[in-house]
C-alpha atoms as a PDB file:
ATOM      1  CA  MET A   1       5.965 -25.033 -12.085  1.00  0.00           C
ATOM      2  CA  PHE A   2       4.650 -22.543  -9.537  1.00  0.00           C
ATOM      3  CA  LYS A   3       4.667 -23.771  -5.932  1.00  0.00           C
ATOM      4  CA  TYR A   4       0.893 -23.811  -5.568  1.00  0.00           C
ATOM      5  CA  SER A   5      -0.087 -25.245  -8.946  1.00  0.00           C
ATOM      6  CA  ASN A   6      -0.657 -28.543 -10.706  1.00  0.00           C
ATOM      7  CA  SER A   7      -1.209 -26.936 -14.114  1.00  0.00           C
ATOM      8  CA  ASN A   8       0.306 -24.230 -16.339  1.00  0.00           C
ATOM      9  CA  LYS A   9      -0.975 -21.508 -13.997  1.00  0.00           C
ATOM     10  CA  ARG A  10       1.691 -19.351 -12.404  1.00  0.00           C
ATOM     11  CA  TYR A  11      -0.535 -18.187  -9.620  1.00  0.00           C
ATOM     12  CA  TYR A  12      -2.406 -19.825  -6.769  1.00  0.00           C
ATOM     13  CA  THR A  13      -5.827 -20.644  -8.192  1.00  0.00           C
ATOM     14  CA  LEU A  14      -8.969 -21.271  -6.125  1.00  0.00           C
ATOM     15  CA  ASP A  15      -9.470 -24.591  -7.968  1.00  0.00           C
ATOM     16  CA  TYR A  16      -6.073 -25.839  -6.820  1.00  0.00           C
ATOM     17  CA  PHE A  17      -6.684 -24.649  -3.278  1.00  0.00           C
ATOM     18  CA  TYR A  18     -10.032 -26.445  -3.042  1.00  0.00           C
ATOM     19  CA  LYS A  19      -8.641 -29.677  -4.449  1.00  0.00           C
ATOM     20  CA  GLN A  20      -5.855 -29.672  -1.901  1.00  0.00           C
ATOM     21  CA  LYS A  21      -8.114 -28.863   0.979  1.00  0.00           C
ATOM     22  CA  PHE A  22     -11.129 -31.051   0.184  1.00  0.00           C
ATOM     23  CA  ASN A  23      -9.525 -33.661  -2.146  1.00  0.00           C
ATOM     24  CA  SER A  24     -12.437 -33.047  -4.480  1.00  0.00           C
ATOM     25  CA  LYS A  25     -13.795 -30.781  -7.168  1.00  0.00           C
ATOM     26  CA  VAL A  26     -15.553 -27.967  -5.397  1.00  0.00           C
ATOM     27  CA  PHE A  27     -18.116 -25.502  -6.827  1.00  0.00           C
ATOM     28  CA  LYS A  28     -19.340 -22.269  -5.489  1.00  0.00           C
ATOM     29  CA  VAL A  29     -23.122 -21.969  -5.877  1.00  0.00           C
ATOM     30  CA  SER A  30     -24.167 -18.315  -6.090  1.00  0.00           C
ATOM     31  CA  LEU A  31     -27.294 -17.435  -4.085  1.00  0.00           C
ATOM     32  CA  ASN A  32     -29.530 -14.454  -3.681  1.00  0.00           C
ATOM     33  CA  ALA A  33     -30.944 -14.236  -0.163  1.00  0.00           C
ATOM     34  CA  GLY A  34     -32.815 -10.989  -0.824  1.00  0.00           C
ATOM     35  CA  PHE A  35     -30.594  -8.801   1.377  1.00  0.00           C
ATOM     36  CA  SER A  36     -30.381  -5.026   0.886  1.00  0.00           C
ATOM     37  CA  CYS A  37     -27.377  -2.740   1.180  1.00  0.00           C
ATOM     38  CA  PRO A  38     -26.722   0.129   3.625  1.00  0.00           C
ATOM     39  CA  ASN A  39     -25.292   2.123   0.719  1.00  0.00           C
ATOM     40  CA  LYS A  40     -28.681   2.005  -0.994  1.00  0.00           C
ATOM     41  CA  ASP A  41     -31.262   2.399   1.751  1.00  0.00           C
ATOM     42  CA  GLY A  42     -29.883   5.535   3.276  1.00  0.00           C
ATOM     43  CA  THR A  43     -28.063   4.021   6.254  1.00  0.00           C
ATOM     44  CA  LYS A  44     -24.698   4.853   4.591  1.00  0.00           C
ATOM     45  CA  GLY A  45     -25.891   6.400   1.344  1.00  0.00           C
ATOM     46  CA  PHE A  46     -28.293   6.171  -1.549  1.00  0.00           C
ATOM     47  CA  GLY A  47     -28.019   4.562  -4.919  1.00  0.00           C
ATOM     48  CA  GLY A  48     -25.155   2.222  -4.062  1.00  0.00           C
ATOM     49  CA  CYS A  49     -21.747   2.316  -5.688  1.00  0.00           C
ATOM     50  CA  ILE A  50     -21.841   4.100  -8.994  1.00  0.00           C
ATOM     51  CA  TYR A  51     -21.126   0.872 -10.943  1.00  0.00           C
ATOM     52  CA  CYS A  52     -23.883  -1.159  -9.300  1.00  0.00           C
ATOM     53  CA  SER A  53     -26.674  -2.600 -11.464  1.00  0.00           C
ATOM     54  CA  LYS A  54     -30.198  -2.943 -10.180  1.00  0.00           C
ATOM     55  CA  LEU A  55     -29.199  -6.434  -8.925  1.00  0.00           C
ATOM     56  CA  GLY A  56     -26.288  -5.023  -6.947  1.00  0.00           C
ATOM     57  CA  SER A  57     -23.373  -7.527  -7.023  1.00  0.00           C
ATOM     58  CA  GLY A  58     -25.742 -10.320  -7.753  1.00  0.00           C
ATOM     59  CA  ASP A  59     -26.130 -10.410 -11.523  1.00  0.00           C
ATOM     60  CA  TYR A  60     -25.338 -14.141 -11.597  1.00  0.00           C
ATOM     61  CA  ALA A  61     -26.761 -15.033  -8.212  1.00  0.00           C
ATOM     62  CA  GLY A  62     -29.973 -17.020  -7.918  1.00  0.00           C
ATOM     63  CA  ASN A  63     -33.580 -15.842  -8.303  1.00  0.00           C
ATOM     64  CA  LYS A  64     -34.556 -14.260  -5.031  1.00  0.00           C
ATOM     65  CA  GLU A  65     -38.169 -15.147  -5.674  1.00  0.00           C
ATOM     66  CA  LYS A  66     -37.199 -18.799  -5.006  1.00  0.00           C
ATOM     67  CA  ASN A  67     -36.047 -20.033  -1.619  1.00  0.00           C
ATOM     68  CA  LEU A  68     -32.376 -20.699  -1.040  1.00  0.00           C
ATOM     69  CA  VAL A  69     -32.692 -24.508  -1.155  1.00  0.00           C
ATOM     70  CA  GLU A  70     -34.423 -24.273  -4.531  1.00  0.00           C
ATOM     71  CA  GLN A  71     -31.750 -21.919  -5.896  1.00  0.00           C
ATOM     72  CA  PHE A  72     -29.015 -24.219  -4.656  1.00  0.00           C
ATOM     73  CA  ASN A  73     -30.526 -27.355  -6.054  1.00  0.00           C
ATOM     74  CA  GLU A  74     -31.027 -25.875  -9.501  1.00  0.00           C
ATOM     75  CA  VAL A  75     -27.314 -25.221  -9.820  1.00  0.00           C
ATOM     76  CA  LYS A  76     -26.372 -28.483  -8.179  1.00  0.00           C
ATOM     77  CA  GLN A  77     -28.378 -30.581 -10.655  1.00  0.00           C
ATOM     78  CA  ILE A  78     -26.452 -28.976 -13.555  1.00  0.00           C
ATOM     79  CA  MET A  79     -23.053 -29.610 -11.950  1.00  0.00           C
ATOM     80  CA  LEU A  80     -23.860 -33.209 -10.988  1.00  0.00           C
ATOM     81  CA  LYS A  81     -24.135 -34.164 -14.653  1.00  0.00           C
ATOM     82  CA  LYS A  82     -20.493 -33.323 -15.249  1.00  0.00           C
ATOM     83  CA  TRP A  83     -18.963 -33.809 -11.814  1.00  0.00           C
ATOM     84  CA  PRO A  84     -21.075 -36.374  -9.869  1.00  0.00           C
ATOM     85  CA  ASP A  85     -18.691 -36.515  -6.898  1.00  0.00           C
ATOM     86  CA  SER A  86     -18.259 -32.799  -6.406  1.00  0.00           C
ATOM     87  CA  LYS A  87     -18.652 -30.776  -3.220  1.00  0.00           C
ATOM     88  CA  TYR A  88     -20.186 -27.318  -2.789  1.00  0.00           C
ATOM     89  CA  ILE A  89     -19.582 -23.906  -1.226  1.00  0.00           C
ATOM     90  CA  ALA A  90     -22.785 -21.933  -0.757  1.00  0.00           C
ATOM     91  CA  TYR A  91     -21.977 -18.419  -1.929  1.00  0.00           C
ATOM     92  CA  PHE A  92     -24.134 -15.583  -0.607  1.00  0.00           C
ATOM     93  CA  GLN A  93     -23.344 -13.107  -3.373  1.00  0.00           C
ATOM     94  CA  ALA A  94     -26.034 -10.515  -4.045  1.00  0.00           C
ATOM     95  CA  ASN A  95     -25.826  -7.247  -2.227  1.00  0.00           C
ATOM     96  CA  THR A  96     -24.615  -7.121   1.438  1.00  0.00           C
ATOM     97  CA  ASN A  97     -25.066 -10.487   3.019  1.00  0.00           C
ATOM     98  CA  THR A  98     -24.473  -9.629   6.667  1.00  0.00           C
ATOM     99  CA  TYR A  99     -26.918  -6.701   6.541  1.00  0.00           C
ATOM    100  CA  ALA A 100     -29.747  -8.201   8.633  1.00  0.00           C
ATOM    101  CA  PRO A 101     -30.432  -9.248  12.244  1.00  0.00           C
ATOM    102  CA  VAL A 102     -28.483 -12.278  13.359  1.00  0.00           C
ATOM    103  CA  ASP A 103     -31.567 -14.503  13.681  1.00  0.00           C
ATOM    104  CA  VAL A 104     -32.330 -13.809   9.992  1.00  0.00           C
ATOM    105  CA  LEU A 105     -28.695 -14.488   8.995  1.00  0.00           C
ATOM    106  CA  LYS A 106     -28.714 -17.719  10.909  1.00  0.00           C
ATOM    107  CA  GLU A 107     -31.879 -18.972   9.211  1.00  0.00           C
ATOM    108  CA  LYS A 108     -30.572 -18.064   5.768  1.00  0.00           C
ATOM    109  CA  TYR A 109     -27.056 -19.470   6.177  1.00  0.00           C
ATOM    110  CA  GLU A 110     -27.972 -22.683   7.936  1.00  0.00           C
ATOM    111  CA  SER A 111     -30.821 -23.584   5.536  1.00  0.00           C
ATOM    112  CA  VAL A 112     -28.146 -24.396   2.943  1.00  0.00           C
ATOM    113  CA  LEU A 113     -25.310 -25.341   5.218  1.00  0.00           C
ATOM    114  CA  ASN A 114     -27.149 -28.499   6.155  1.00  0.00           C
ATOM    115  CA  LEU A 115     -27.568 -29.705   2.541  1.00  0.00           C
ATOM    116  CA  GLU A 116     -25.647 -32.760   1.336  1.00  0.00           C
ATOM    117  CA  ASN A 117     -22.019 -32.161   0.296  1.00  0.00           C
ATOM    118  CA  VAL A 118     -22.011 -28.506   1.288  1.00  0.00           C
ATOM    119  CA  VAL A 119     -18.570 -28.046   2.829  1.00  0.00           C
ATOM    120  CA  GLY A 120     -18.597 -24.296   3.497  1.00  0.00           C
ATOM    121  CA  LEU A 121     -19.989 -20.808   3.141  1.00  0.00           C
ATOM    122  CA  ASN A 122     -18.718 -17.723   1.311  1.00  0.00           C
ATOM    123  CA  ILE A 123     -20.400 -14.523   2.422  1.00  0.00           C
ATOM    124  CA  ALA A 124     -19.957 -11.343   0.449  1.00  0.00           C
ATOM    125  CA  THR A 125     -20.335  -8.160   2.394  1.00  0.00           C
ATOM    126  CA  ARG A 126     -19.010  -4.661   3.214  1.00  0.00           C
ATOM    127  CA  PRO A 127     -16.514  -3.829   5.952  1.00  0.00           C
ATOM    128  CA  ASP A 128     -19.009  -1.424   7.462  1.00  0.00           C
ATOM    129  CA  SER A 129     -21.834  -3.898   7.697  1.00  0.00           C
ATOM    130  CA  ILE A 130     -20.827  -6.534  10.301  1.00  0.00           C
ATOM    131  CA  THR A 131     -22.062  -5.825  13.800  1.00  0.00           C
ATOM    132  CA  ASP A 132     -20.355  -7.110  16.923  1.00  0.00           C
ATOM    133  CA  GLU A 133     -23.295  -9.537  17.403  1.00  0.00           C
ATOM    134  CA  CYS A 134     -22.800 -10.741  13.863  1.00  0.00           C
ATOM    135  CA  LEU A 135     -19.082 -11.212  14.503  1.00  0.00           C
ATOM    136  CA  GLU A 136     -19.845 -13.440  17.480  1.00  0.00           C
ATOM    137  CA  TYR A 137     -22.133 -15.566  15.295  1.00  0.00           C
ATOM    138  CA  LEU A 138     -19.617 -15.753  12.514  1.00  0.00           C
ATOM    139  CA  GLU A 139     -16.981 -16.936  15.020  1.00  0.00           C
ATOM    140  CA  GLU A 140     -19.342 -19.747  16.043  1.00  0.00           C
ATOM    141  CA  LEU A 141     -20.127 -20.573  12.453  1.00  0.00           C
ATOM    142  CA  ASN A 142     -16.439 -20.706  11.573  1.00  0.00           C
ATOM    143  CA  LYS A 143     -16.065 -23.640  14.002  1.00  0.00           C
ATOM    144  CA  LYS A 144     -18.789 -25.601  12.248  1.00  0.00           C
ATOM    145  CA  THR A 145     -17.884 -25.185   8.591  1.00  0.00           C
ATOM    146  CA  TYR A 146     -15.316 -23.715   6.218  1.00  0.00           C
ATOM    147  CA  LEU A 147     -16.265 -20.048   6.345  1.00  0.00           C
ATOM    148  CA  THR A 148     -14.932 -17.278   4.179  1.00  0.00           C
ATOM    149  CA  ILE A 149     -15.949 -13.575   4.392  1.00  0.00           C
ATOM    150  CA  GLU A 150     -15.557 -11.689   1.164  1.00  0.00           C
ATOM    151  CA  LEU A 151     -14.918  -7.999   1.826  1.00  0.00           C
ATOM    152  CA  GLY A 152     -15.453  -5.435  -0.858  1.00  0.00           C
ATOM    153  CA  LEU A 153     -12.638  -2.951  -0.807  1.00  0.00           C
ATOM    154  CA  GLN A 154     -12.203  -2.138  -4.501  1.00  0.00           C
ATOM    155  CA  THR A 155      -9.332   0.321  -4.002  1.00  0.00           C
ATOM    156  CA  ILE A 156      -7.043   1.595  -1.230  1.00  0.00           C
ATOM    157  CA  HIS A 157      -7.303   5.151  -2.585  1.00  0.00           C
ATOM    158  CA  ASP A 158      -9.933   7.142  -0.646  1.00  0.00           C
ATOM    159  CA  THR A 159     -10.257   9.723  -3.395  1.00  0.00           C
ATOM    160  CA  THR A 160     -11.488   7.005  -5.723  1.00  0.00           C
ATOM    161  CA  SER A 161     -13.681   5.517  -2.972  1.00  0.00           C
ATOM    162  CA  LYS A 162     -15.437   8.866  -2.684  1.00  0.00           C
ATOM    163  CA  LEU A 163     -15.815   9.169  -6.471  1.00  0.00           C
ATOM    164  CA  ILE A 164     -17.456   5.761  -6.714  1.00  0.00           C
ATOM    165  CA  ASN A 165     -19.677   6.446  -3.725  1.00  0.00           C
ATOM    166  CA  ARG A 166     -18.276   3.505  -1.826  1.00  0.00           C
ATOM    167  CA  GLY A 167     -19.503   4.802   1.487  1.00  0.00           C
ATOM    168  CA  HIS A 168     -16.529   3.754   3.656  1.00  0.00           C
ATOM    169  CA  ASP A 169     -12.812   4.516   3.761  1.00  0.00           C
ATOM    170  CA  LEU A 170      -9.662   2.402   4.036  1.00  0.00           C
ATOM    171  CA  LYS A 171      -9.549   2.698   7.825  1.00  0.00           C
ATOM    172  CA  CYS A 172     -12.962   1.067   8.079  1.00  0.00           C
ATOM    173  CA  PHE A 173     -11.671  -1.875   6.033  1.00  0.00           C
ATOM    174  CA  GLU A 174      -8.587  -2.200   8.159  1.00  0.00           C
ATOM    175  CA  GLU A 175     -10.583  -2.283  11.387  1.00  0.00           C
ATOM    176  CA  MET A 176     -13.042  -4.987  10.153  1.00  0.00           C
ATOM    177  CA  LEU A 177     -10.198  -7.075   8.692  1.00  0.00           C
ATOM    178  CA  GLU A 178      -8.490  -7.072  12.071  1.00  0.00           C
ATOM    179  CA  LYS A 179     -11.709  -8.046  13.875  1.00  0.00           C
ATOM    180  CA  LEU A 180     -12.301 -10.981  11.543  1.00  0.00           C
ATOM    181  CA  ARG A 181      -8.772 -12.225  11.657  1.00  0.00           C
ATOM    182  CA  LYS A 182      -8.720 -12.063  15.491  1.00  0.00           C
ATOM    183  CA  ARG A 183     -11.501 -14.656  15.252  1.00  0.00           C
ATOM    184  CA  ASN A 184      -9.502 -16.685  12.752  1.00  0.00           C
ATOM    185  CA  ILE A 185     -12.123 -16.087   9.988  1.00  0.00           C
ATOM    186  CA  ASN A 186     -10.732 -16.398   6.481  1.00  0.00           C
ATOM    187  CA  VAL A 187     -11.035 -13.177   4.418  1.00  0.00           C
ATOM    188  CA  VAL A 188     -11.070 -12.697   0.636  1.00  0.00           C
ATOM    189  CA  VAL A 189     -10.834  -9.120  -0.616  1.00  0.00           C
ATOM    190  CA  HIS A 190     -12.420  -7.732  -3.796  1.00  0.00           C
ATOM    191  CA  ILE A 191     -10.589  -5.094  -5.864  1.00  0.00           C
ATOM    192  CA  ILE A 192     -11.518  -3.487  -9.156  1.00  0.00           C
ATOM    193  CA  ASN A 193      -9.102  -2.443 -11.886  1.00  0.00           C
ATOM    194  CA  GLY A 194      -9.962   0.383 -14.278  1.00  0.00           C
ATOM    195  CA  LEU A 195     -11.820   2.599 -11.812  1.00  0.00           C
ATOM    196  CA  PRO A 196     -12.104   6.107 -13.217  1.00  0.00           C
ATOM    197  CA  TYR A 197      -8.821   8.085 -13.276  1.00  0.00           C
ATOM    198  CA  GLU A 198      -6.767   5.455 -11.464  1.00  0.00           C
ATOM    199  CA  THR A 199      -3.310   4.840 -12.903  1.00  0.00           C
ATOM    200  CA  LYS A 200      -1.506   1.520 -13.296  1.00  0.00           C
ATOM    201  CA  ASP A 201       0.694   2.364 -10.328  1.00  0.00           C
ATOM    202  CA  MET A 202      -2.326   3.069  -8.162  1.00  0.00           C
ATOM    203  CA  MET A 203      -3.827  -0.345  -9.019  1.00  0.00           C
ATOM    204  CA  ILE A 204      -0.573  -2.204  -8.336  1.00  0.00           C
ATOM    205  CA  LYS A 205      -0.243  -0.362  -5.027  1.00  0.00           C
ATOM    206  CA  THR A 206      -3.693  -1.623  -4.048  1.00  0.00           C
ATOM    207  CA  ALA A 207      -2.451  -5.196  -4.574  1.00  0.00           C
ATOM    208  CA  LYS A 208       0.860  -4.477  -2.839  1.00  0.00           C
ATOM    209  CA  TYR A 209      -0.971  -3.036   0.153  1.00  0.00           C
ATOM    210  CA  LEU A 210      -3.098  -6.163   0.476  1.00  0.00           C
ATOM    211  CA  SER A 211       0.008  -8.320   0.402  1.00  0.00           C
ATOM    212  CA  SER A 212       1.045  -6.668   3.666  1.00  0.00           C
ATOM    213  CA  LYS A 213      -2.301  -7.599   5.303  1.00  0.00           C
ATOM    214  CA  ASP A 214      -3.441 -10.861   6.829  1.00  0.00           C
ATOM    215  CA  ILE A 215      -5.721 -11.882   3.989  1.00  0.00           C
ATOM    216  CA  GLN A 216      -6.258 -15.379   2.577  1.00  0.00           C
ATOM    217  CA  GLY A 217      -7.530 -14.570  -0.890  1.00  0.00           C
ATOM    218  CA  ILE A 218      -8.251 -11.880  -3.457  1.00  0.00           C
ATOM    219  CA  LYS A 219     -10.639 -11.286  -6.295  1.00  0.00           C
ATOM    220  CA  ILE A 220      -9.501  -9.013  -9.152  1.00  0.00           C
ATOM    221  CA  HIS A 221     -12.221  -7.572 -11.384  1.00  0.00           C
ATOM    222  CA  MET A 222     -12.239  -5.263 -14.356  1.00  0.00           C
ATOM    223  CA  LEU A 223     -14.663  -2.334 -14.102  1.00  0.00           C
ATOM    224  CA  HIS A 224     -17.902  -3.026 -15.943  1.00  0.00           C
ATOM    225  CA  ILE A 225     -19.725   0.002 -17.312  1.00  0.00           C
ATOM    226  CA  LEU A 226     -23.364  -1.159 -17.271  1.00  0.00           C
ATOM    227  CA  LYS A 227     -26.479   0.478 -18.689  1.00  0.00           C
ATOM    228  CA  ASN A 228     -28.724   2.434 -16.307  1.00  0.00           C
ATOM    229  CA  THR A 229     -26.019   3.157 -13.704  1.00  0.00           C
ATOM    230  CA  VAL A 230     -24.486   6.327 -12.388  1.00  0.00           C
ATOM    231  CA  LEU A 231     -21.164   5.145 -13.843  1.00  0.00           C
ATOM    232  CA  ALA A 232     -22.724   4.938 -17.289  1.00  0.00           C
ATOM    233  CA  ASN A 233     -23.850   8.603 -16.935  1.00  0.00           C
ATOM    234  CA  LEU A 234     -20.345   9.608 -15.797  1.00  0.00           C
ATOM    235  CA  TYR A 235     -18.802   7.771 -18.710  1.00  0.00           C
ATOM    236  CA  GLU A 236     -21.136   9.415 -21.165  1.00  0.00           C
ATOM    237  CA  LYS A 237     -20.267  12.848 -19.734  1.00  0.00           C
ATOM    238  CA  GLU A 238     -16.504  12.565 -19.194  1.00  0.00           C
ATOM    239  CA  LYS A 239     -15.365   9.685 -21.396  1.00  0.00           C
ATOM    240  CA  PHE A 240     -12.726   8.568 -18.844  1.00  0.00           C
ATOM    241  CA  HIS A 241     -10.216   6.062 -20.072  1.00  0.00           C
ATOM    242  CA  VAL A 242     -11.387   2.400 -20.155  1.00  0.00           C
ATOM    243  CA  LEU A 243      -8.572  -0.153 -20.014  1.00  0.00           C
ATOM    244  CA  SER A 244      -7.903  -2.144 -23.148  1.00  0.00           C
ATOM    245  CA  LYS A 245      -7.458  -5.883 -22.814  1.00  0.00           C
ATOM    246  CA  GLU A 246      -3.747  -5.506 -23.260  1.00  0.00           C
ATOM    247  CA  GLU A 247      -3.551  -2.907 -20.490  1.00  0.00           C
ATOM    248  CA  TYR A 248      -5.678  -5.020 -18.161  1.00  0.00           C
ATOM    249  CA  VAL A 249      -3.599  -8.113 -18.724  1.00  0.00           C
ATOM    250  CA  ASP A 250      -0.423  -6.116 -18.082  1.00  0.00           C
ATOM    251  CA  ILE A 251      -1.807  -4.711 -14.808  1.00  0.00           C
ATOM    252  CA  VAL A 252      -3.155  -8.069 -13.514  1.00  0.00           C
ATOM    253  CA  CYS A 253       0.168  -9.730 -14.141  1.00  0.00           C
ATOM    254  CA  SER A 254       1.975  -6.920 -12.341  1.00  0.00           C
ATOM    255  CA  GLN A 255      -0.415  -7.264  -9.441  1.00  0.00           C
ATOM    256  CA  LEU A 256       0.151 -11.026  -9.271  1.00  0.00           C
ATOM    257  CA  GLU A 257       3.900 -10.366  -9.105  1.00  0.00           C
ATOM    258  CA  VAL A 258       3.510  -8.273  -5.969  1.00  0.00           C
ATOM    259  CA  LEU A 259       0.971 -10.517  -4.198  1.00  0.00           C
ATOM    260  CA  ARG A 260       2.282 -12.968  -1.632  1.00  0.00           C
ATOM    261  CA  GLU A 261       2.517 -16.478  -3.059  1.00  0.00           C
ATOM    262  CA  ASP A 262       0.219 -17.868  -0.384  1.00  0.00           C
ATOM    263  CA  ILE A 263      -2.751 -15.576  -1.229  1.00  0.00           C
ATOM    264  CA  VAL A 264      -5.332 -17.591  -3.132  1.00  0.00           C
ATOM    265  CA  ILE A 265      -6.340 -15.881  -6.345  1.00  0.00           C
ATOM    266  CA  ASN A 266     -10.122 -16.395  -6.486  1.00  0.00           C
ATOM    267  CA  ARG A 267     -10.607 -14.426  -9.676  1.00  0.00           C
ATOM    268  CA  VAL A 268      -8.604 -12.447 -12.249  1.00  0.00           C
ATOM    269  CA  THR A 269     -11.514 -11.233 -14.373  1.00  0.00           C
ATOM    270  CA  GLY A 270     -15.276 -10.847 -14.236  1.00  0.00           C
ATOM    271  CA  ASP A 271     -18.431 -11.941 -16.041  1.00  0.00           C
ATOM    272  CA  PRO A 272     -20.553  -8.998 -17.204  1.00  0.00           C
ATOM    273  CA  ASN A 273     -24.004  -9.489 -18.584  1.00  0.00           C
ATOM    274  CA  PRO A 274     -23.564  -8.799 -22.327  1.00  0.00           C
ATOM    275  CA  ASP A 275     -27.069  -7.300 -22.611  1.00  0.00           C
ATOM    276  CA  ASP A 276     -26.269  -4.645 -20.037  1.00  0.00           C
ATOM    277  CA  LEU A 277     -22.643  -3.933 -20.942  1.00  0.00           C
ATOM    278  CA  ILE A 278     -21.570  -0.615 -22.376  1.00  0.00           C
ATOM    279  CA  GLU A 279     -17.805  -1.076 -21.980  1.00  0.00           C
ATOM    280  CA  PRO A 280     -15.437  -2.898 -22.281  1.00  0.00           C
ATOM    281  CA  PHE A 281     -16.701  -5.575 -24.736  1.00  0.00           C
ATOM    282  CA  TRP A 282     -13.497  -7.554 -24.574  1.00  0.00           C
ATOM    283  CA  LEU A 283     -14.618  -8.756 -21.153  1.00  0.00           C
ATOM    284  CA  ILE A 284     -17.277 -10.944 -22.778  1.00  0.00           C
ATOM    285  CA  LYS A 285     -14.619 -13.393 -23.887  1.00  0.00           C
ATOM    286  CA  LYS A 286     -13.558 -14.413 -20.379  1.00  0.00           C
ATOM    287  CA  PHE A 287     -11.428 -17.383 -21.325  1.00  0.00           C
ATOM    288  CA  GLY A 288      -9.538 -15.274 -23.839  1.00  0.00           C
ATOM    289  CA  VAL A 289      -8.590 -12.912 -21.048  1.00  0.00           C
ATOM    290  CA  LEU A 290      -7.516 -15.821 -18.821  1.00  0.00           C
ATOM    291  CA  ASN A 291      -5.377 -17.224 -21.597  1.00  0.00           C
ATOM    292  CA  GLU A 292      -3.705 -13.903 -22.264  1.00  0.00           C
ATOM    293  CA  ILE A 293      -2.796 -13.559 -18.572  1.00  0.00           C
ATOM    294  CA  ASP A 294      -1.208 -17.045 -18.630  1.00  0.00           C
ATOM    295  CA  LYS A 295       0.730 -16.223 -21.777  1.00  0.00           C
ATOM    296  CA  GLU A 296       1.985 -12.940 -20.411  1.00  0.00           C
ATOM    297  CA  MET A 297       3.195 -14.586 -17.206  1.00  0.00           C
ATOM    298  CA  VAL A 298       5.118 -17.074 -19.375  1.00  0.00           C
ATOM    299  CA  ARG A 299       6.463 -14.282 -21.614  1.00  0.00           C
ATOM    300  CA  ARG A 300       7.795 -12.493 -18.534  1.00  0.00           C
ATOM    301  CA  ASP A 301       9.035 -15.751 -17.084  1.00  0.00           C
ATOM    302  CA  SER A 302       7.238 -14.620 -13.955  1.00  0.00           C
ATOM    303  CA  TYR A 303       4.993 -16.006 -11.242  1.00  0.00           C
ATOM    304  CA  GLN A 304       2.918 -14.847  -8.244  1.00  0.00           C
ATOM    305  CA  GLY A 305       5.023 -13.163  -5.528  1.00  0.00           C
ATOM    306  CA  ILE A 306       8.223 -12.706  -7.556  1.00  0.00           C
ATOM    307  CA  LYS A 307       8.287  -8.973  -6.728  1.00  0.00           C
ATOM    308  CA  TYR A 308       6.497  -9.166  -3.386  1.00  0.00           C
ATOM    309  CA  LYS A 309       9.541  -8.142  -1.327  1.00  0.00           C
ATOM    310  CA  ASN A 310      11.123  -5.568  -3.607  1.00  0.00           C
ATOM    311  CA  TYR A 311       8.296  -3.588  -5.204  1.00  0.00           C
ATOM    312  CA  PRO A 312       8.565   0.120  -4.107  1.00  0.00           C
ATOM    313  CA  GLN A 313       5.994   1.218  -1.546  1.00  0.00           C
END
């Protein structure tokens, strides 16, 4: 059995981490606080990343027409039926959730932080969108609750970052990661597999690079090609290669092998909206993908971190 597991998983799952830390089942409740994004409003760029839908990164976040407490309680009532003793992490997911004045952030975050059985906050943002004033507030917040900042990186390769209109480079990420960790704030990093023209080796090197950094968790996604996006237009024009399920499983398992064993794997696949999805359709069957990853790790007789120290740079 893998060191950080109480199941058949050969990697450090978020569920296991939460159970060890809080001695309870813990759910993340996705919220939409109505924030914008500097890569959409012209501060950094226009249109956002080329894969972004009209909802940004918040396709499964709450309804921004409702206040945050209403959004939270709707999800909570569903979860209570199955797990009545569970605890909750309020997850600010949609768009860039530090992109506002600190007084606005404070009002948004603390409106849900004070709810019953909320044990922490996860805040998804960009490395170019946390001001020094915001950092000071996050440092204070980190002393009051279990705080995690989720930084979108997607790839370490700046050529790809430019292609997807990311709006920042790797140096920007490194600088913000250092600032957050100096304040002892936990960081989870988002990466995307299958970005146009990236090779398997490039994707593994993104994971290997992150293993060398002081991060606490990682989210691994497969690229979704969604309708009415710039990416959809690029795919229609150039028909770049889209990973098969078998290729994706192989790459994720190889990434797990080079990730330090103490990095919590928050995700290994994503949840596209089937109504908006152009490719790849195999993503719709999420649990099938998870099962294939588990089976491949067994087939390899492998586990997270097994190649961490000896994978070539």
